[in-house]
Amino acid sequence: MRVLNIPVPDELQNLWRGWLAPERQAFFLTAAEAAAFEVPTIPRAEAKLTPEERDTNAVWGIAAQADRVAWLTLAQWENLGPKPQRSLLRLQVRHNRGNLPRRRDFAALLPGLPQARFLWTPELLTDAVLERVISDDNPPCQTSRVPESVWEAASARLPRVRELAGTFALHSGANCFGAVMGAAGVAGAESKWMQREPFEAFLQKRTRPGGKDDQPGTVLLWRSADGLAQHAAVTVGGGWAFQKASQVWSSPRVVLPVDDLKRAARQRGNRLSRRTPFQLPSGF
């Protein structure tokens, strides 16, 4: 299987299916809603979500008042019956939970879906469906369009960028800061949930203000009004740049045209700056 122009091994496909259609799922409710459904819940603060559960369900956007969590297995979900299922799904949409696919988005691939919203089950996640889920809102990787001469010129400053471009992480947490550091040769950085402190230390030690978008090794850095780094990418040269858009497991490490990447990364209140390597001939 290829997704977003990236080959996906069977191991990773199996992980994706497990995260989208797990044995049990978390449903977020207010105390009053939990009482009305008569389902056992725990305080949201006590719910032990894995990073993959957090990102699959977009927990960061769930309404604060939905402070109870019900864990339901697939069998328990089926036992609810159609009407309670529809009501519970409507509440999850209202509370901004993720991983709530819409029938209209998959009708051509999955005819006969019974409800406007539904939950994934393993048998629904065919290769074509899985490709569409992961491709949604993610631009395809363009590594094959980058000339050989560009890769060669980038290798001095970005010794691992070609290795990392066009790959998915095997878990949630791997983020934009780690991707930039990994491309620059920091071993293992691309697989970590890299915090701001080590990333800022990397910038201070190995870069200085400035840089050009058409040269390899320029760090594109977006900061919020309070000065905190919010996103980072790095130019490959020749009008190309490398990034991992977010820490979620479905976000690949990609090469895109610089202008396309900058447009996609633009957010209100964030300001773009640039940093360039100290040592121009080699090393980053």
Protein backbone atom coordinates (compact mmCIF):
# COMPACT_ATOMS: atom_id res chain seq x y z
CA MET A 1 0.00 0.00 0.00
CA ARG A 2 1.07 3.57 -0.74
CA VAL A 3 -0.48 6.52 1.08
CA LEU A 4 0.36 10.11 0.15
CA ASN A 5 3.06 8.74 -2.17
CA ILE A 6 4.63 6.90 0.79
CA PRO A 7 5.01 3.10 1.02
CA VAL A 8 3.30 1.73 4.13
CA PRO A 9 4.50 -1.66 5.46
CA ASP A 10 2.01 -4.23 6.76
CA GLU A 11 3.15 -3.65 10.34
CA LEU A 12 2.16 0.00 10.18
CA GLN A 13 -1.15 -0.74 8.46
CA ASN A 14 -2.02 -3.07 11.33
CA LEU A 15 -1.16 -0.38 13.86
CA TRP A 16 -3.37 2.14 12.06
CA ARG A 17 -6.31 -0.25 12.02
CA GLY A 18 -5.85 -0.94 15.73
CA TRP A 19 -5.84 2.77 16.58
CA LEU A 20 -8.89 3.56 14.45
CA ALA A 21 -10.91 0.52 15.53
CA PRO A 22 -9.66 -0.50 18.98
CA GLU A 23 -11.18 -3.16 21.20
CA ARG A 24 -12.67 -0.41 23.37
CA GLN A 25 -13.27 3.28 22.83
CA ALA A 26 -13.58 6.31 25.07
CA PHE A 27 -16.80 8.35 25.00
CA PHE A 28 -16.78 11.79 26.62
CA LEU A 29 -19.88 12.93 28.51
CA THR A 30 -21.08 15.46 31.02
CA ALA A 31 -22.26 14.09 34.36
CA ALA A 32 -25.89 14.61 33.34
CA GLU A 33 -25.39 12.83 30.02
CA ALA A 34 -23.67 9.91 31.72
CA ALA A 35 -26.61 9.55 34.12
CA ALA A 36 -29.10 9.64 31.26
CA PHE A 37 -27.28 6.87 29.38
CA GLU A 38 -26.83 4.77 32.51
CA VAL A 39 -23.32 3.77 31.52
CA PRO A 40 -20.45 3.52 33.99
CA THR A 41 -17.99 6.40 33.74
CA ILE A 42 -14.85 7.66 35.40
CA PRO A 43 -13.60 11.25 35.81
CA ARG A 44 -11.87 12.41 32.66
CA ALA A 45 -8.81 13.33 34.71
CA GLU A 46 -8.43 9.66 35.66
CA ALA A 47 -8.74 8.26 32.13
CA LYS A 48 -5.41 6.72 31.15
CA LEU A 49 -5.28 7.50 27.44
CA THR A 50 -2.35 6.38 25.35
CA PRO A 51 -0.77 8.99 23.07
CA GLU A 52 -2.43 7.24 20.13
CA GLU A 53 -5.86 7.33 21.82
CA ARG A 54 -5.32 11.00 22.60
CA ASP A 55 -4.51 11.87 19.00
CA THR A 56 -7.02 9.55 17.31
CA ASN A 57 -9.82 11.10 19.38
CA ALA A 58 -8.41 14.66 19.16
CA VAL A 59 -8.78 14.90 22.93
CA TRP A 60 -7.18 18.36 23.03
CA GLY A 61 -10.32 19.80 21.40
CA ILE A 62 -12.96 18.09 23.51
CA ALA A 63 -15.19 20.42 25.50
CA ALA A 64 -14.12 20.89 29.13
CA GLN A 65 -17.63 20.21 30.45
CA ALA A 66 -17.45 16.67 29.05
CA ASP A 67 -15.57 15.62 32.16
CA ARG A 68 -16.70 11.98 32.36
CA VAL A 69 -15.38 9.09 30.27
CA ALA A 70 -17.20 5.88 29.43
CA TRP A 71 -15.12 3.02 28.06
CA LEU A 72 -17.18 0.79 25.78
CA THR A 73 -16.06 -2.36 24.05
CA LEU A 74 -17.38 -3.16 20.59
CA ALA A 75 -19.77 -5.70 22.10
CA GLN A 76 -21.09 -3.15 24.58
CA TRP A 77 -21.52 -0.66 21.78
CA GLU A 78 -23.52 -3.13 19.71
CA ASN A 79 -25.70 -3.95 22.70
CA LEU A 80 -26.78 -0.32 23.00
CA GLY A 81 -28.93 -0.55 19.91
CA PRO A 82 -29.32 1.94 17.01
CA LYS A 83 -31.17 4.77 18.78
CA PRO A 84 -28.81 5.09 21.79
CA GLN A 85 -25.88 4.75 19.42
CA ARG A 86 -27.09 7.68 17.33
CA SER A 87 -27.65 9.78 20.45
CA LEU A 88 -24.21 8.98 21.82
CA LEU A 89 -22.55 9.75 18.50
CA ARG A 90 -24.34 13.11 18.31
CA LEU A 91 -23.00 13.97 21.76
CA GLN A 92 -19.47 13.03 20.72
CA VAL A 93 -19.75 15.31 17.69
CA ARG A 94 -21.04 18.10 19.94
CA HIS A 95 -18.10 17.62 22.31
CA ASN A 96 -15.61 17.62 19.38
CA ARG A 97 -14.31 14.08 19.77
CA GLY A 98 -12.34 12.84 16.79
CA ASN A 99 -12.51 9.56 14.84
CA LEU A 100 -16.23 9.90 14.06
CA PRO A 101 -16.40 9.22 10.32
CA ARG A 102 -19.31 10.47 8.22
CA ARG A 103 -21.26 8.14 5.94
CA ARG A 104 -21.19 10.66 3.06
CA ASP A 105 -17.37 10.67 3.02
CA PHE A 106 -17.15 6.91 2.53
CA ALA A 107 -20.41 6.00 0.79
CA ALA A 108 -18.66 5.20 -2.50
CA LEU A 109 -16.26 2.82 -0.78
CA LEU A 110 -18.66 1.42 1.83
CA PRO A 111 -22.22 1.31 0.45
CA GLY A 112 -24.94 0.53 2.96
CA LEU A 113 -23.57 2.29 6.02
CA PRO A 114 -26.54 2.57 8.39
CA GLN A 115 -25.93 5.93 10.08
CA ALA A 116 -24.80 9.45 9.21
CA ARG A 117 -22.01 8.99 11.76
CA PHE A 118 -20.52 5.66 12.75
CA LEU A 119 -17.56 3.99 14.42
CA TRP A 120 -14.87 2.11 12.59
CA THR A 121 -14.79 -1.64 12.97
CA PRO A 122 -11.93 -3.77 11.61
CA GLU A 123 -13.86 -5.14 8.64
CA LEU A 124 -14.70 -1.63 7.39
CA LEU A 125 -11.06 -0.58 7.20
CA THR A 126 -10.17 -1.91 3.77
CA ASP A 127 -6.99 -0.74 2.09
CA ALA A 128 -8.91 1.87 0.07
CA VAL A 129 -10.73 3.15 3.14
CA LEU A 130 -7.55 3.29 5.21
CA GLU A 131 -5.81 5.23 2.46
CA ARG A 132 -8.62 7.78 2.38
CA VAL A 133 -8.64 8.19 6.17
CA ILE A 134 -4.92 8.90 6.37
CA SER A 135 -4.86 11.06 3.24
CA ASP A 136 -7.55 13.40 4.53
CA ASP A 137 -6.13 16.94 4.98
CA ASN A 138 -2.55 15.74 4.43
CA PRO A 139 -0.66 16.86 1.27
CA PRO A 140 1.11 14.10 -0.68
CA CYS A 141 4.85 13.81 -0.27
CA GLN A 142 6.87 15.05 -3.27
CA THR A 143 10.24 13.35 -2.72
CA SER A 144 10.23 11.82 -6.21
CA ARG A 145 10.15 15.29 -7.77
CA VAL A 146 13.27 16.52 -5.98
CA PRO A 147 16.27 16.44 -8.35
CA GLU A 148 19.26 14.31 -7.43
CA SER A 149 21.45 17.39 -7.43
CA VAL A 150 19.27 18.97 -4.73
CA TRP A 151 19.55 15.93 -2.47
CA GLU A 152 23.33 15.88 -2.94
CA ALA A 153 23.68 19.56 -2.12
CA ALA A 154 21.48 19.17 0.98
CA SER A 155 23.39 16.21 2.39
CA ALA A 156 26.15 18.30 4.01
CA ARG A 157 23.72 20.26 6.17
CA LEU A 158 20.90 17.70 6.35
CA PRO A 159 22.59 14.29 6.35
CA ARG A 160 19.38 12.35 7.14
CA VAL A 161 16.70 14.35 5.37
CA ARG A 162 16.48 11.99 2.40
CA GLU A 163 16.24 8.99 4.70
CA LEU A 164 13.38 10.53 6.68
CA ALA A 165 11.45 12.14 3.84
CA GLY A 166 8.45 10.04 2.87
CA THR A 167 8.08 8.10 6.13
CA PHE A 168 5.50 7.73 8.90
CA ALA A 169 6.36 7.41 12.58
CA LEU A 170 5.38 4.15 14.28
CA HIS A 171 3.62 5.99 17.12
CA SER A 172 2.19 9.31 18.20
CA GLY A 173 4.42 12.00 19.64
CA ALA A 174 7.08 12.36 16.95
CA ASN A 175 6.77 16.03 16.05
CA CYS A 176 8.02 18.87 13.86
CA PHE A 177 10.92 19.84 16.14
CA GLY A 178 12.25 16.30 16.26
CA ALA A 179 11.87 15.92 12.50
CA VAL A 180 14.04 19.00 11.85
CA MET A 181 16.65 17.82 14.34
CA GLY A 182 16.62 14.31 12.90
CA ALA A 183 17.09 15.64 9.37
CA ALA A 184 20.08 17.61 10.65
CA GLY A 185 21.67 14.42 11.97
CA VAL A 186 20.58 14.28 15.62
CA ALA A 187 20.20 10.52 16.08
CA GLY A 188 16.73 9.40 17.18
CA ALA A 189 15.30 12.91 17.42
CA GLU A 190 12.73 12.20 14.71
CA SER A 191 11.05 9.54 16.87
CA LYS A 192 10.69 11.62 20.04
CA TRP A 193 8.06 14.04 21.28
CA MET A 194 10.69 16.76 21.21
CA GLN A 195 9.98 19.53 23.70
CA ARG A 196 10.74 23.20 23.13
CA GLU A 197 13.72 23.34 25.50
CA PRO A 198 15.99 20.87 23.67
CA PHE A 199 14.86 22.24 20.32
CA GLU A 200 15.71 25.80 21.37
CA ALA A 201 19.08 24.56 22.64
CA PHE A 202 19.68 22.95 19.23
CA LEU A 203 18.86 26.23 17.50
CA GLN A 204 21.14 28.27 19.76
CA LYS A 205 24.05 25.88 19.43
CA ARG A 206 23.91 25.17 15.72
CA THR A 207 22.14 28.02 13.95
CA ARG A 208 22.03 31.80 13.77
CA PRO A 209 19.31 34.21 12.56
CA GLY A 210 18.86 34.43 8.79
CA GLY A 211 18.73 32.09 5.84
CA LYS A 212 17.17 31.81 2.39
CA ASP A 213 14.31 29.58 1.30
CA ASP A 214 16.11 28.38 -1.85
CA GLN A 215 19.18 27.14 0.06
CA PRO A 216 19.45 23.89 2.05
CA GLY A 217 19.39 24.00 5.85
CA THR A 218 17.33 27.12 6.53
CA VAL A 219 15.08 26.44 9.54
CA LEU A 220 11.61 27.90 9.03
CA LEU A 221 10.37 28.74 12.49
CA TRP A 222 6.89 29.92 13.47
CA ARG A 223 6.53 31.61 16.87
CA SER A 224 3.43 32.84 18.65
CA ALA A 225 3.12 36.38 20.00
CA ASP A 226 4.62 35.27 23.33
CA GLY A 227 7.75 34.02 21.56
CA LEU A 228 7.08 30.29 21.92
CA ALA A 229 8.05 28.07 18.99
CA GLN A 230 4.89 26.58 17.51
CA HIS A 231 6.11 24.86 14.35
CA ALA A 232 9.33 24.25 12.46
CA ALA A 233 10.40 22.98 9.06
CA VAL A 234 13.68 23.06 7.14
CA THR A 235 14.50 23.88 3.53
CA VAL A 236 16.10 21.22 1.34
CA GLY A 237 17.10 23.62 -1.42
CA GLY A 238 15.88 24.22 -4.93
CA GLY A 239 12.49 25.40 -3.71
CA TRP A 240 11.75 22.36 -1.52
CA ALA A 241 11.28 21.98 2.24
CA PHE A 242 10.86 19.16 4.75
CA GLN A 243 8.48 18.92 7.71
CA LYS A 244 6.29 16.79 9.93
CA ALA A 245 3.09 18.78 10.27
CA SER A 246 2.16 17.62 13.78
CA GLN A 247 2.80 15.03 16.48
CA VAL A 248 -0.17 12.82 15.52
CA TRP A 249 0.54 9.33 14.21
CA SER A 250 -1.20 10.02 10.88
CA SER A 251 1.08 12.97 10.05
CA PRO A 252 3.92 11.90 7.73
CA ARG A 253 7.37 13.38 7.24
CA VAL A 254 7.13 14.99 3.83
CA VAL A 255 8.93 17.13 1.27
CA LEU A 256 6.80 19.86 -0.30
CA PRO A 257 7.39 23.00 -2.35
CA VAL A 258 8.49 25.70 0.08
CA ASP A 259 5.61 28.02 -0.77
CA ASP A 260 3.03 25.24 -0.34
CA LEU A 261 4.50 24.26 3.02
CA LYS A 262 4.48 27.86 4.26
CA ARG A 263 0.86 28.34 3.23
CA ALA A 264 -0.17 25.13 4.99
CA ALA A 265 1.72 26.08 8.17
CA ARG A 266 0.33 29.60 8.38
CA GLN A 267 -1.81 30.26 11.47
CA ARG A 268 -3.25 33.46 12.82
CA GLY A 269 -0.99 35.01 15.44
CA ASN A 270 2.15 33.06 14.47
CA ARG A 271 5.08 34.81 12.82
CA LEU A 272 7.61 33.17 10.52
CA SER A 273 11.34 33.67 11.06
CA ARG A 274 14.42 31.90 9.70
CA ARG A 275 17.67 30.50 11.06
CA THR A 276 20.66 29.24 9.12
CA PRO A 277 23.50 26.86 10.10
CA PHE A 278 26.65 28.39 11.60
CA GLN A 279 28.98 26.23 9.49
CA LEU A 280 28.18 26.69 5.83
CA PRO A 281 30.46 24.08 4.20
CA SER A 282 29.43 21.12 6.38
CA GLY A 283 27.74 20.23 9.60
CA PHE A 284 24.49 21.54 10.98
